[in-house]
């Protein structure tokens, strides 16, 4: 049996964000989607059972950078600007 891969019109890749680059195909157990631009591959079981996989690394789910203790900002009026009263 040959695998038929078909493009999904309007689909956006969750990794690179490009539109119309996703194609889907399936075998007897799983359905897959892949991006032809960034080589993203994802799959799900046809019976709906969950995969024990961890969350995918996408452009939205990047790890946050470590935040150090910050200091409050102090706003000082600019003496070169003339204040206009309304």
PDB file of N, CA and C in Angstrom:
ATOM      1  N   UNK A   1       0.837  -1.179   0.000  1.00  0.00           N
ATOM      2  CA  UNK A   1       0.000   0.000   0.000  1.00  0.00           C
ATOM      3  C   UNK A   1       0.884   1.245   0.000  1.00  0.00           C
ATOM      4  N   UNK A   2       0.668   2.127  -0.935  1.00  0.00           N
ATOM      5  CA  UNK A   2       1.458   3.349  -0.993  1.00  0.00           C
ATOM      6  C   UNK A   2       0.818   4.416  -0.113  1.00  0.00           C
ATOM      7  N   UNK A   3       1.650   5.244   0.457  1.00  0.00           N
ATOM      8  CA  UNK A   3       1.181   6.316   1.339  1.00  0.00           C
ATOM      9  C   UNK A   3       0.904   7.550   0.496  1.00  0.00           C
ATOM     10  N   UNK A   4      -0.298   8.088   0.645  1.00  0.00           N
ATOM     11  CA  UNK A   4      -0.680   9.302  -0.067  1.00  0.00           C
ATOM     12  C   UNK A   4      -0.564  10.462   0.906  1.00  0.00           C
ATOM     13  N   UNK A   5       0.291  11.426   0.585  1.00  0.00           N
ATOM     14  CA  UNK A   5       0.465  12.627   1.406  1.00  0.00           C
ATOM     15  C   UNK A   5      -0.268  13.763   0.718  1.00  0.00           C
ATOM     16  N   UNK A   6      -1.138  14.448   1.483  1.00  0.00           N
ATOM     17  CA  UNK A   6      -1.912  15.540   0.891  1.00  0.00           C
ATOM     18  C   UNK A   6      -1.735  16.810   1.715  1.00  0.00           C
ATOM     19  N   UNK A   7      -1.682  17.942   1.016  1.00  0.00           N
ATOM     20  CA  UNK A   7      -1.532  19.233   1.676  1.00  0.00           C
ATOM     21  C   UNK A   7      -2.872  19.678   2.252  1.00  0.00           C
ATOM     22  N   UNK A   8      -2.826  20.419   3.356  1.00  0.00           N
ATOM     23  CA  UNK A   8      -4.018  20.952   4.003  1.00  0.00           C
ATOM     24  C   UNK A   8      -4.039  22.454   3.730  1.00  0.00           C
ATOM     25  N   UNK A   9      -5.031  22.900   2.980  1.00  0.00           N
ATOM     26  CA  UNK A   9      -5.123  24.314   2.620  1.00  0.00           C
ATOM     27  C   UNK A   9      -5.392  25.167   3.856  1.00  0.00           C
ATOM     28  N   UNK A  10      -4.602  26.206   4.040  1.00  0.00           N
ATOM     29  CA  UNK A  10      -4.788  27.144   5.134  1.00  0.00           C
ATOM     30  C   UNK A  10      -4.176  26.711   6.453  1.00  0.00           C
ATOM     31  N   UNK A  11      -3.576  25.535   6.511  1.00  0.00           N
ATOM     32  CA  UNK A  11      -2.969  25.064   7.759  1.00  0.00           C
ATOM     33  C   UNK A  11      -1.664  25.814   8.019  1.00  0.00           C
ATOM     34  N   UNK A  12      -1.426  26.135   9.290  1.00  0.00           N
ATOM     35  CA  UNK A  12      -0.233  26.868   9.700  1.00  0.00           C
ATOM     36  C   UNK A  12       0.642  25.929  10.521  1.00  0.00           C
ATOM     37  N   UNK A  13       1.924  25.905  10.224  1.00  0.00           N
ATOM     38  CA  UNK A  13       2.866  25.057  10.959  1.00  0.00           C
ATOM     39  C   UNK A  13       3.027  25.596  12.376  1.00  0.00           C
ATOM     40  N   UNK A  14       2.890  24.728  13.407  1.00  0.00           N
ATOM     41  CA  UNK A  14       3.050  25.212  14.777  1.00  0.00           C
ATOM     42  C   UNK A  14       4.480  25.575  15.137  1.00  0.00           C
ATOM     43  N   UNK A  15       5.456  25.120  14.387  1.00  0.00           N
ATOM     44  CA  UNK A  15       6.845  25.442  14.706  1.00  0.00           C
ATOM     45  C   UNK A  15       7.301  26.708  13.993  1.00  0.00           C
ATOM     46  N   UNK A  16       7.179  26.764  12.665  1.00  0.00           N
ATOM     47  CA  UNK A  16       7.732  27.912  11.926  1.00  0.00           C
ATOM     48  C   UNK A  16       6.687  28.971  11.584  1.00  0.00           C
ATOM     49  N   UNK A  17       5.396  28.652  11.697  1.00  0.00           N
ATOM     50  CA  UNK A  17       4.354  29.635  11.450  1.00  0.00           C
ATOM     51  C   UNK A  17       4.019  29.871   9.990  1.00  0.00           C
ATOM     52  N   UNK A  18       4.588  29.093   9.085  1.00  0.00           N
ATOM     53  CA  UNK A  18       4.311  29.258   7.657  1.00  0.00           C
ATOM     54  C   UNK A  18       2.975  28.621   7.295  1.00  0.00           C
ATOM     55  N   UNK A  19       2.234  29.274   6.416  1.00  0.00           N
ATOM     56  CA  UNK A  19       0.943  28.760   5.983  1.00  0.00           C
ATOM     57  C   UNK A  19       1.104  27.912   4.725  1.00  0.00           C
ATOM     58  N   UNK A  20       0.245  26.911   4.587  1.00  0.00           N
ATOM     59  CA  UNK A  20       0.190  26.016   3.423  1.00  0.00           C
ATOM     60  C   UNK A  20       1.465  25.202   3.225  1.00  0.00           C
ATOM     61  N   UNK A  21       2.109  24.803   4.301  1.00  0.00           N
ATOM     62  CA  UNK A  21       3.281  23.930   4.192  1.00  0.00           C
ATOM     63  C   UNK A  21       3.052  22.594   4.896  1.00  0.00           C
ATOM     64  N   UNK A  22       1.856  22.374   5.464  1.00  0.00           N
ATOM     65  CA  UNK A  22       1.537  21.150   6.198  1.00  0.00           C
ATOM     66  C   UNK A  22       0.903  20.136   5.254  1.00  0.00           C
ATOM     67  N   UNK A  23       1.405  18.899   5.330  1.00  0.00           N
ATOM     68  CA  UNK A  23       0.749  17.808   4.619  1.00  0.00           C
ATOM     69  C   UNK A  23       0.502  16.671   5.599  1.00  0.00           C
ATOM     70  N   UNK A  24      -0.556  15.910   5.358  1.00  0.00           N
ATOM     71  CA  UNK A  24      -0.952  14.824   6.257  1.00  0.00           C
ATOM     72  C   UNK A  24      -0.926  13.499   5.514  1.00  0.00           C
ATOM     73  N   UNK A  25      -0.686  12.439   6.282  1.00  0.00           N
ATOM     74  CA  UNK A  25      -0.754  11.069   5.765  1.00  0.00           C
ATOM     75  C   UNK A  25      -1.026  10.150   6.927  1.00  0.00           C
ATOM     76  N   UNK A  26      -1.417   8.903   6.658  1.00  0.00           N
ATOM     77  CA  UNK A  26      -1.737   7.965   7.724  1.00  0.00           C
ATOM     78  C   UNK A  26      -1.320   6.556   7.357  1.00  0.00           C
ATOM     79  N   UNK A  27      -1.147   5.761   8.422  1.00  0.00           N
ATOM     80  CA  UNK A  27      -0.964   4.324   8.249  1.00  0.00           C
ATOM     81  C   UNK A  27      -2.115   3.636   8.982  1.00  0.00           C
ATOM     82  N   UNK A  28      -2.001   2.379   9.308  1.00  0.00           N
ATOM     83  CA  UNK A  28      -3.106   1.656   9.933  1.00  0.00           C
ATOM     84  C   UNK A  28      -3.389   2.131  11.364  1.00  0.00           C
ATOM     85  N   UNK A  29      -2.414   2.687  12.035  1.00  0.00           N
ATOM     86  CA  UNK A  29      -2.542   3.021  13.452  1.00  0.00           C
ATOM     87  C   UNK A  29      -2.572   4.520  13.717  1.00  0.00           C
ATOM     88  N   UNK A  30      -1.776   5.297  12.993  1.00  0.00           N
ATOM     89  CA  UNK A  30      -1.583   6.716  13.301  1.00  0.00           C
ATOM     90  C   UNK A  30      -1.820   7.598  12.080  1.00  0.00           C
ATOM     91  N   UNK A  31      -2.131   8.865  12.374  1.00  0.00           N
ATOM     92  CA  UNK A  31      -2.194   9.899  11.342  1.00  0.00           C
ATOM     93  C   UNK A  31      -1.084  10.899  11.648  1.00  0.00           C
ATOM     94  N   UNK A  32      -0.358  11.308  10.638  1.00  0.00           N
ATOM     95  CA  UNK A  32       0.791  12.195  10.803  1.00  0.00           C
ATOM     96  C   UNK A  32       0.560  13.488  10.042  1.00  0.00           C
ATOM     97  N   UNK A  33       1.205  14.552  10.535  1.00  0.00           N
ATOM     98  CA  UNK A  33       1.273  15.812   9.796  1.00  0.00           C
ATOM     99  C   UNK A  33       2.724  16.261   9.823  1.00  0.00           C
ATOM    100  N   UNK A  34       3.147  16.847   8.736  1.00  0.00           N
ATOM    101  CA  UNK A  34       4.537  17.296   8.641  1.00  0.00           C
ATOM    102  C   UNK A  34       4.605  18.583   7.850  1.00  0.00           C
ATOM    103  N   UNK A  35       5.614  19.387   8.178  1.00  0.00           N
ATOM    104  CA  UNK A  35       5.857  20.649   7.481  1.00  0.00           C
ATOM    105  C   UNK A  35       6.975  20.425   6.482  1.00  0.00           C
ATOM    106  N   UNK A  36       6.763  20.845   5.252  1.00  0.00           N
ATOM    107  CA  UNK A  36       7.790  20.666   4.224  1.00  0.00           C
ATOM    108  C   UNK A  36       8.851  21.761   4.293  1.00  0.00           C
ATOM    109  N   UNK A  37       8.603  22.783   5.108  1.00  0.00           N
ATOM    110  CA  UNK A  37       9.555  23.885   5.212  1.00  0.00           C
ATOM    111  C   UNK A  37      10.571  23.673   6.331  1.00  0.00           C
ATOM    112  N   UNK A  38      10.098  23.254   7.524  1.00  0.00           N
ATOM    113  CA  UNK A  38      11.011  23.166   8.667  1.00  0.00           C
ATOM    114  C   UNK A  38      11.165  21.740   9.200  1.00  0.00           C
ATOM    115  N   UNK A  39      10.636  20.743   8.525  1.00  0.00           N
ATOM    116  CA  UNK A  39      10.745  19.327   8.910  1.00  0.00           C
ATOM    117  C   UNK A  39      10.062  19.001  10.234  1.00  0.00           C
ATOM    118  N   UNK A  40       9.038  19.759  10.624  1.00  0.00           N
ATOM    119  CA  UNK A  40       8.231  19.454  11.798  1.00  0.00           C
ATOM    120  C   UNK A  40       7.399  18.214  11.501  1.00  0.00           C
ATOM    121  N   UNK A  41       7.320  17.273  12.448  1.00  0.00           N
ATOM    122  CA  UNK A  41       6.508  16.065  12.300  1.00  0.00           C
ATOM    123  C   UNK A  41       5.734  15.853  13.589  1.00  0.00           C
ATOM    124  N   UNK A  42       4.461  15.518  13.446  1.00  0.00           N
ATOM    125  CA  UNK A  42       3.581  15.281  14.576  1.00  0.00           C
ATOM    126  C   UNK A  42       2.658  14.125  14.201  1.00  0.00           C
ATOM    127  N   UNK A  43       2.200  13.372  15.183  1.00  0.00           N
ATOM    128  CA  UNK A  43       1.296  12.275  14.904  1.00  0.00           C
ATOM    129  C   UNK A  43       0.317  12.064  16.028  1.00  0.00           C
ATOM    130  N   UNK A  44      -0.791  11.425  15.701  1.00  0.00           N
ATOM    131  CA  UNK A  44      -1.773  11.078  16.718  1.00  0.00           C
ATOM    132  C   UNK A  44      -2.382   9.734  16.371  1.00  0.00           C
ATOM    133  N   UNK A  45      -2.806   9.005  17.397  1.00  0.00           N
ATOM    134  CA  UNK A  45      -3.416   7.708  17.184  1.00  0.00           C
ATOM    135  C   UNK A  45      -4.804   7.870  16.592  1.00  0.00           C
ATOM    136  N   UNK A  46      -5.173   6.987  15.676  1.00  0.00           N
ATOM    137  CA  UNK A  46      -6.482   7.071  15.042  1.00  0.00           C
ATOM    138  C   UNK A  46      -7.617   6.746  16.007  1.00  0.00           C
ATOM    139  N   UNK A  47      -7.344   5.943  17.045  1.00  0.00           N
ATOM    140  CA  UNK A  47      -8.392   5.590  18.000  1.00  0.00           C
ATOM    141  C   UNK A  47      -8.581   6.645  19.087  1.00  0.00           C
ATOM    142  N   UNK A  48      -7.798   7.708  19.079  1.00  0.00           N
ATOM    143  CA  UNK A  48      -7.945   8.797  20.028  1.00  0.00           C
ATOM    144  C   UNK A  48      -7.194   8.611  21.333  1.00  0.00           C
ATOM    145  N   UNK A  49      -6.459   7.517  21.471  1.00  0.00           N
ATOM    146  CA  UNK A  49      -5.709   7.305  22.702  1.00  0.00           C
ATOM    147  C   UNK A  49      -4.525   8.272  22.762  1.00  0.00           C
ATOM    148  N   UNK A  50      -4.230   8.774  23.951  1.00  0.00           N
ATOM    149  CA  UNK A  50      -3.147   9.765  24.076  1.00  0.00           C
ATOM    150  C   UNK A  50      -1.767   9.135  23.966  1.00  0.00           C
ATOM    151  N   UNK A  51      -0.821   9.938  23.560  1.00  0.00           N
ATOM    152  CA  UNK A  51       0.580   9.536  23.513  1.00  0.00           C
ATOM    153  C   UNK A  51       1.257   9.948  24.810  1.00  0.00           C
ATOM    154  N   UNK A  52       2.200   9.175  25.292  1.00  0.00           N
ATOM    155  CA  UNK A  52       2.920   9.585  26.500  1.00  0.00           C
ATOM    156  C   UNK A  52       4.071  10.531  26.195  1.00  0.00           C
ATOM    157  N   UNK A  53       3.904  11.378  25.199  1.00  0.00           N
ATOM    158  CA  UNK A  53       4.982  12.292  24.786  1.00  0.00           C
ATOM    159  C   UNK A  53       4.901  13.591  25.583  1.00  0.00           C
ATOM    160  N   UNK A  54       6.011  14.270  25.681  1.00  0.00           N
ATOM    161  CA  UNK A  54       6.052  15.558  26.361  1.00  0.00           C
ATOM    162  C   UNK A  54       5.605  16.652  25.402  1.00  0.00           C
ATOM    163  N   UNK A  55       5.435  17.853  25.920  1.00  0.00           N
ATOM    164  CA  UNK A  55       4.973  18.966  25.102  1.00  0.00           C
ATOM    165  C   UNK A  55       5.992  19.286  24.011  1.00  0.00           C
ATOM    166  N   UNK A  56       5.485  19.599  22.824  1.00  0.00           N
ATOM    167  CA  UNK A  56       6.347  19.889  21.684  1.00  0.00           C
ATOM    168  C   UNK A  56       6.997  21.258  21.817  1.00  0.00           C
ATOM    169  N   UNK A  57       8.223  21.362  21.343  1.00  0.00           N
ATOM    170  CA  UNK A  57       8.910  22.656  21.321  1.00  0.00           C
ATOM    171  C   UNK A  57       8.487  23.393  20.062  1.00  0.00           C
ATOM    172  N   UNK A  58       7.711  24.451  20.232  1.00  0.00           N
ATOM    173  CA  UNK A  58       7.260  25.258  19.103  1.00  0.00           C
ATOM    174  C   UNK A  58       7.702  26.690  19.307  1.00  0.00           C
ATOM    175  N   UNK A  59       7.346  27.553  18.369  1.00  0.00           N
ATOM    176  CA  UNK A  59       7.738  28.956  18.482  1.00  0.00           C
ATOM    177  C   UNK A  59       7.005  29.644  19.630  1.00  0.00           C
ATOM    178  N   UNK A  60       5.922  29.067  20.118  1.00  0.00           N
ATOM    179  CA  UNK A  60       5.145  29.661  21.194  1.00  0.00           C
ATOM    180  C   UNK A  60       5.563  29.116  22.557  1.00  0.00           C
ATOM    181  N   UNK A  61       5.992  27.864  22.630  1.00  0.00           N
ATOM    182  CA  UNK A  61       6.277  27.227  23.913  1.00  0.00           C
ATOM    183  C   UNK A  61       7.755  27.202  24.259  1.00  0.00           C
ATOM    184  N   UNK A  62       8.489  28.198  23.848  1.00  0.00           N
ATOM    185  CA  UNK A  62       9.901  28.260  24.195  1.00  0.00           C
ATOM    186  C   UNK A  62      10.061  28.476  25.691  1.00  0.00           C
ATOM    187  N   UNK A  63      11.144  27.966  26.237  1.00  0.00           N
ATOM    188  CA  UNK A  63      11.421  28.124  27.656  1.00  0.00           C
ATOM    189  C   UNK A  63      11.696  29.592  27.952  1.00  0.00           C
ATOM    190  N   UNK A  64      11.085  30.133  29.014  1.00  0.00           N
ATOM    191  CA  UNK A  64      11.354  31.534  29.352  1.00  0.00           C
ATOM    192  C   UNK A  64      12.774  31.701  29.872  1.00  0.00           C
ATOM    193  N   UNK A  65      13.339  32.829  29.562  1.00  0.00           N
ATOM    194  CA  UNK A  65      14.676  33.129  30.055  1.00  0.00           C
ATOM    195  C   UNK A  65      14.604  33.398  31.551  1.00  0.00           C
ATOM    196  N   UNK A  66      15.675  33.096  32.236  1.00  0.00           N
ATOM    197  CA  UNK A  66      15.666  33.324  33.674  1.00  0.00           C
ATOM    198  C   UNK A  66      15.592  34.825  33.954  1.00  0.00           C
ATOM    199  N   UNK A  67      14.762  35.168  34.901  1.00  0.00           N
ATOM    200  CA  UNK A  67      14.545  36.569  35.241  1.00  0.00           C
ATOM    201  C   UNK A  67      15.255  36.847  36.557  1.00  0.00           C
ATOM    202  N   UNK A  68      16.118  37.828  36.542  1.00  0.00           N
ATOM    203  CA  UNK A  68      16.808  38.205  37.771  1.00  0.00           C
ATOM    204  C   UNK A  68      15.970  39.248  38.510  1.00  0.00           C
ATOM    205  N   UNK A  69      16.349  39.487  39.738  1.00  0.00           N
ATOM    206  CA  UNK A  69      15.644  40.492  40.534  1.00  0.00           C
ATOM    207  C   UNK A  69      15.797  41.845  39.847  1.00  0.00           C
ATOM    208  N   UNK A  70      14.702  42.526  39.670  1.00  0.00           N
ATOM    209  CA  UNK A  70      14.761  43.803  38.962  1.00  0.00           C
ATOM    210  C   UNK A  70      14.550  44.959  39.934  1.00  0.00           C
ATOM    211  N   UNK A  71      14.961  46.117  39.491  1.00  0.00           N
ATOM    212  CA  UNK A  71      14.805  47.322  40.286  1.00  0.00           C
ATOM    213  C   UNK A  71      13.721  48.174  39.644  1.00  0.00           C
ATOM    214  N   UNK A  72      12.998  48.949  40.452  1.00  0.00           N
ATOM    215  CA  UNK A  72      11.949  49.794  39.880  1.00  0.00           C
ATOM    216  C   UNK A  72      12.558  50.907  39.026  1.00  0.00           C
ATOM    217  N   UNK A  73      11.827  51.302  38.005  1.00  0.00           N
ATOM    218  CA  UNK A  73      12.262  52.402  37.148  1.00  0.00           C
ATOM    219  C   UNK A  73      11.901  53.735  37.797  1.00  0.00           C
ATOM    220  N   UNK A  74      12.775  54.684  37.645  1.00  0.00           N
ATOM    221  CA  UNK A  74      12.512  56.022  38.158  1.00  0.00           C
ATOM    222  C   UNK A  74      12.396  56.951  36.957  1.00  0.00           C
ATOM    223  N   UNK A  75      11.238  57.584  36.824  1.00  0.00           N
ATOM    224  CA  UNK A  75      11.013  58.506  35.722  1.00  0.00           C
ATOM    225  C   UNK A  75      11.325  59.912  36.185  1.00  0.00           C
ATOM    226  N   UNK A  76      12.226  60.553  35.459  1.00  0.00           N
ATOM    227  CA  UNK A  76      12.642  61.909  35.788  1.00  0.00           C
ATOM    228  C   UNK A  76      12.149  62.812  34.660  1.00  0.00           C
ATOM    229  N   UNK A  77      11.463  63.915  34.981  1.00  0.00           N
ATOM    230  CA  UNK A  77      10.986  64.800  33.915  1.00  0.00           C
ATOM    231  C   UNK A  77      12.151  65.388  33.128  1.00  0.00           C
ATOM    232  N   UNK A  78      11.954  65.519  31.850  1.00  0.00           N
ATOM    233  CA  UNK A  78      12.964  66.080  30.968  1.00  0.00           C
ATOM    234  C   UNK A  78      12.917  67.601  31.088  1.00  0.00           C
ATOM    235  N   UNK A  79      14.005  68.247  31.568  1.00  0.00           N
ATOM    236  CA  UNK A  79      13.963  69.704  31.749  1.00  0.00           C
ATOM    237  C   UNK A  79      13.925  70.454  30.416  1.00  0.00           C
ATOM    238  N   UNK A  80      14.239  69.814  29.318  1.00  0.00           N
ATOM    239  CA  UNK A  80      14.245  70.504  28.015  1.00  0.00           C
ATOM    240  C   UNK A  80      12.863  70.614  27.409  1.00  0.00           C
ATOM    241  N   UNK A  81      11.876  69.884  27.909  1.00  0.00           N
ATOM    242  CA  UNK A  81      10.517  69.949  27.373  1.00  0.00           C
ATOM    243  C   UNK A  81       9.702  70.986  28.134  1.00  0.00           C
ATOM    244  N   UNK A  82       8.939  71.755  27.395  1.00  0.00           N
ATOM    245  CA  UNK A  82       8.050  72.734  28.026  1.00  0.00           C
ATOM    246  C   UNK A  82       6.709  72.045  28.262  1.00  0.00           C
ATOM    247  N   UNK A  83       6.173  72.223  29.443  1.00  0.00           N
ATOM    248  CA  UNK A  83       4.915  71.605  29.787  1.00  0.00           C
ATOM    249  C   UNK A  83       3.767  72.449  29.251  1.00  0.00           C
ATOM    250  N   UNK A  84       2.828  71.748  28.624  1.00  0.00           N
ATOM    251  CA  UNK A  84       1.655  72.449  28.091  1.00  0.00           C
ATOM    252  C   UNK A  84       0.463  72.109  28.980  1.00  0.00           C
ATOM    253  N   UNK A  85      -0.176  73.110  29.514  1.00  0.00           N
ATOM    254  CA  UNK A  85      -1.399  72.906  30.289  1.00  0.00           C
ATOM    255  C   UNK A  85      -2.578  73.097  29.378  1.00  0.00           C
ATOM    256  N   UNK A  86      -3.519  72.200  29.517  1.00  0.00           N
ATOM    257  CA  UNK A  86      -4.731  72.291  28.688  1.00  0.00           C
ATOM    258  C   UNK A  86      -5.842  72.909  29.437  1.00  0.00           C
TER     259      UNK A  86
END
